[in-house]
Amino acid sequence: MGISAFVVNWYGDREPFIDRSYALMQMIASGNNFHVAMMYDEADEEEGATDQAIADLTMFQDTYLSSKSSGHQAYLTYEGRPVIFIFPRGVTRTGTSYVLG
């Protein structure tokens, strides 16, 4: 028993440094029998938040979850599906049921 995974904030391409840091953490985790999961932070703007979330999560899937992605096997899963946390900023601006549906 012990720590076997980290949950890491991720903002899409709104924060390039954090995106590169996440990529490095996932790659290192894959070589060390460790797991990472993403906590998506919603955009600050209300208008277009749902479209932004869909674009960001699509980018994340293509970049980090695809079987062609470096370190993808380190991503935390539950029953074979990726675990994604969403951090709402106050009142949820994103149509979460639409995004996750």
Protein backbone atom coordinates (compact mmCIF):
# COMPACT_ATOMS: atom_id res chain seq x y z
CA MET A 1 0.00 0.00 0.00
CA GLY A 2 1.15 3.53 -0.63
CA ILE A 3 0.88 6.28 -3.19
CA SER A 4 0.48 4.87 -6.68
CA ALA A 5 -0.91 7.87 -8.58
CA PHE A 6 -1.03 11.65 -8.70
CA VAL A 7 -3.87 13.86 -9.88
CA VAL A 8 -2.40 16.77 -11.81
CA ASN A 9 -4.05 20.08 -12.79
CA TRP A 10 -4.29 20.63 -16.53
CA TYR A 11 -5.67 23.70 -18.34
CA GLY A 12 -5.44 22.72 -21.98
CA ASP A 13 -3.32 24.96 -24.16
CA ARG A 14 -4.18 27.94 -21.94
CA GLU A 15 -1.11 27.11 -19.81
CA PRO A 16 1.73 25.78 -22.04
CA PHE A 17 4.16 25.33 -19.12
CA ILE A 18 1.68 23.15 -17.23
CA ASP A 19 0.93 21.18 -20.39
CA ARG A 20 4.66 20.42 -20.87
CA SER A 21 5.01 19.58 -17.16
CA TYR A 22 2.07 17.17 -17.37
CA ALA A 23 3.64 15.46 -20.42
CA LEU A 24 6.90 14.99 -18.52
CA MET A 25 5.14 13.61 -15.43
CA GLN A 26 3.19 11.09 -17.51
CA MET A 27 6.31 9.95 -19.35
CA ILE A 28 8.28 9.50 -16.10
CA ALA A 29 5.33 7.72 -14.45
CA SER A 30 5.13 5.21 -17.28
CA GLY A 31 8.70 4.08 -16.62
CA ASN A 32 8.22 3.78 -12.86
CA ASN A 33 5.04 1.72 -12.36
CA PHE A 34 3.17 4.88 -11.34
CA HIS A 35 -0.03 6.50 -12.62
CA VAL A 36 -1.26 10.02 -13.28
CA ALA A 37 -4.72 11.43 -13.84
CA MET A 38 -5.76 14.83 -15.08
CA MET A 39 -7.86 17.37 -13.21
CA TYR A 40 -9.28 19.70 -15.83
CA ASP A 41 -9.70 23.29 -14.70
CA GLU A 42 -12.53 25.05 -16.47
CA ALA A 43 -11.90 28.29 -18.33
CA ASP A 44 -12.62 31.54 -16.50
CA GLU A 45 -14.93 32.87 -19.21
CA GLU A 46 -18.57 31.81 -19.14
CA GLU A 47 -19.24 32.29 -22.84
CA GLY A 48 -17.93 29.38 -24.86
CA ALA A 49 -16.92 27.33 -21.81
CA THR A 50 -18.56 24.14 -23.11
CA ASP A 51 -16.89 24.42 -26.53
CA GLN A 52 -13.56 25.17 -24.83
CA ALA A 53 -13.89 22.11 -22.58
CA ILE A 54 -14.70 19.85 -25.55
CA ALA A 55 -11.72 21.20 -27.49
CA ASP A 56 -9.39 20.84 -24.49
CA LEU A 57 -10.52 17.31 -23.63
CA THR A 58 -10.23 16.25 -27.29
CA MET A 59 -6.68 17.63 -27.32
CA PHE A 60 -5.91 15.74 -24.10
CA GLN A 61 -7.27 12.50 -25.51
CA ASP A 62 -5.25 12.85 -28.71
CA THR A 63 -2.07 13.94 -26.94
CA TYR A 64 -2.02 11.83 -23.77
CA LEU A 65 -4.56 8.99 -23.94
CA SER A 66 -4.11 7.69 -27.47
CA SER A 67 -2.31 4.35 -27.77
CA LYS A 68 0.22 6.25 -29.92
CA SER A 69 0.93 8.73 -27.09
CA SER A 70 4.18 8.46 -25.17
CA GLY A 71 3.48 7.20 -21.65
CA HIS A 72 -0.24 6.58 -22.23
CA GLN A 73 -0.10 3.34 -20.22
CA ALA A 74 0.60 5.41 -17.07
CA TYR A 75 -2.79 7.12 -17.21
CA LEU A 76 -5.07 6.13 -14.31
CA THR A 77 -8.05 4.05 -15.38
CA TYR A 78 -11.08 2.52 -13.71
CA GLU A 79 -12.61 -0.54 -15.35
CA GLY A 80 -10.56 0.21 -18.47
CA ARG A 81 -11.72 3.82 -18.81
CA PRO A 82 -9.65 6.93 -18.11
CA VAL A 83 -10.39 8.75 -14.86
CA ILE A 84 -10.82 12.49 -15.40
CA PHE A 85 -11.48 15.00 -12.64
CA ILE A 86 -13.14 18.33 -13.42
CA PHE A 87 -12.56 21.31 -11.15
CA PRO A 88 -15.46 23.74 -11.52
CA ARG A 89 -14.81 27.40 -10.90
CA GLY A 90 -17.69 28.38 -8.62
CA VAL A 91 -20.90 27.91 -10.57
CA THR A 92 -20.19 25.45 -13.37
CA ARG A 93 -19.96 27.26 -16.68
CA THR A 94 -19.55 24.12 -18.72
CA GLY A 95 -22.44 21.95 -19.89
CA THR A 96 -20.81 19.00 -18.11
CA SER A 97 -23.50 16.50 -19.09
CA TYR A 98 -23.00 17.52 -22.73
CA VAL A 99 -19.20 17.34 -22.51
CA LEU A 100 -19.13 13.95 -20.79
CA GLY A 101 -22.09 12.49 -22.69
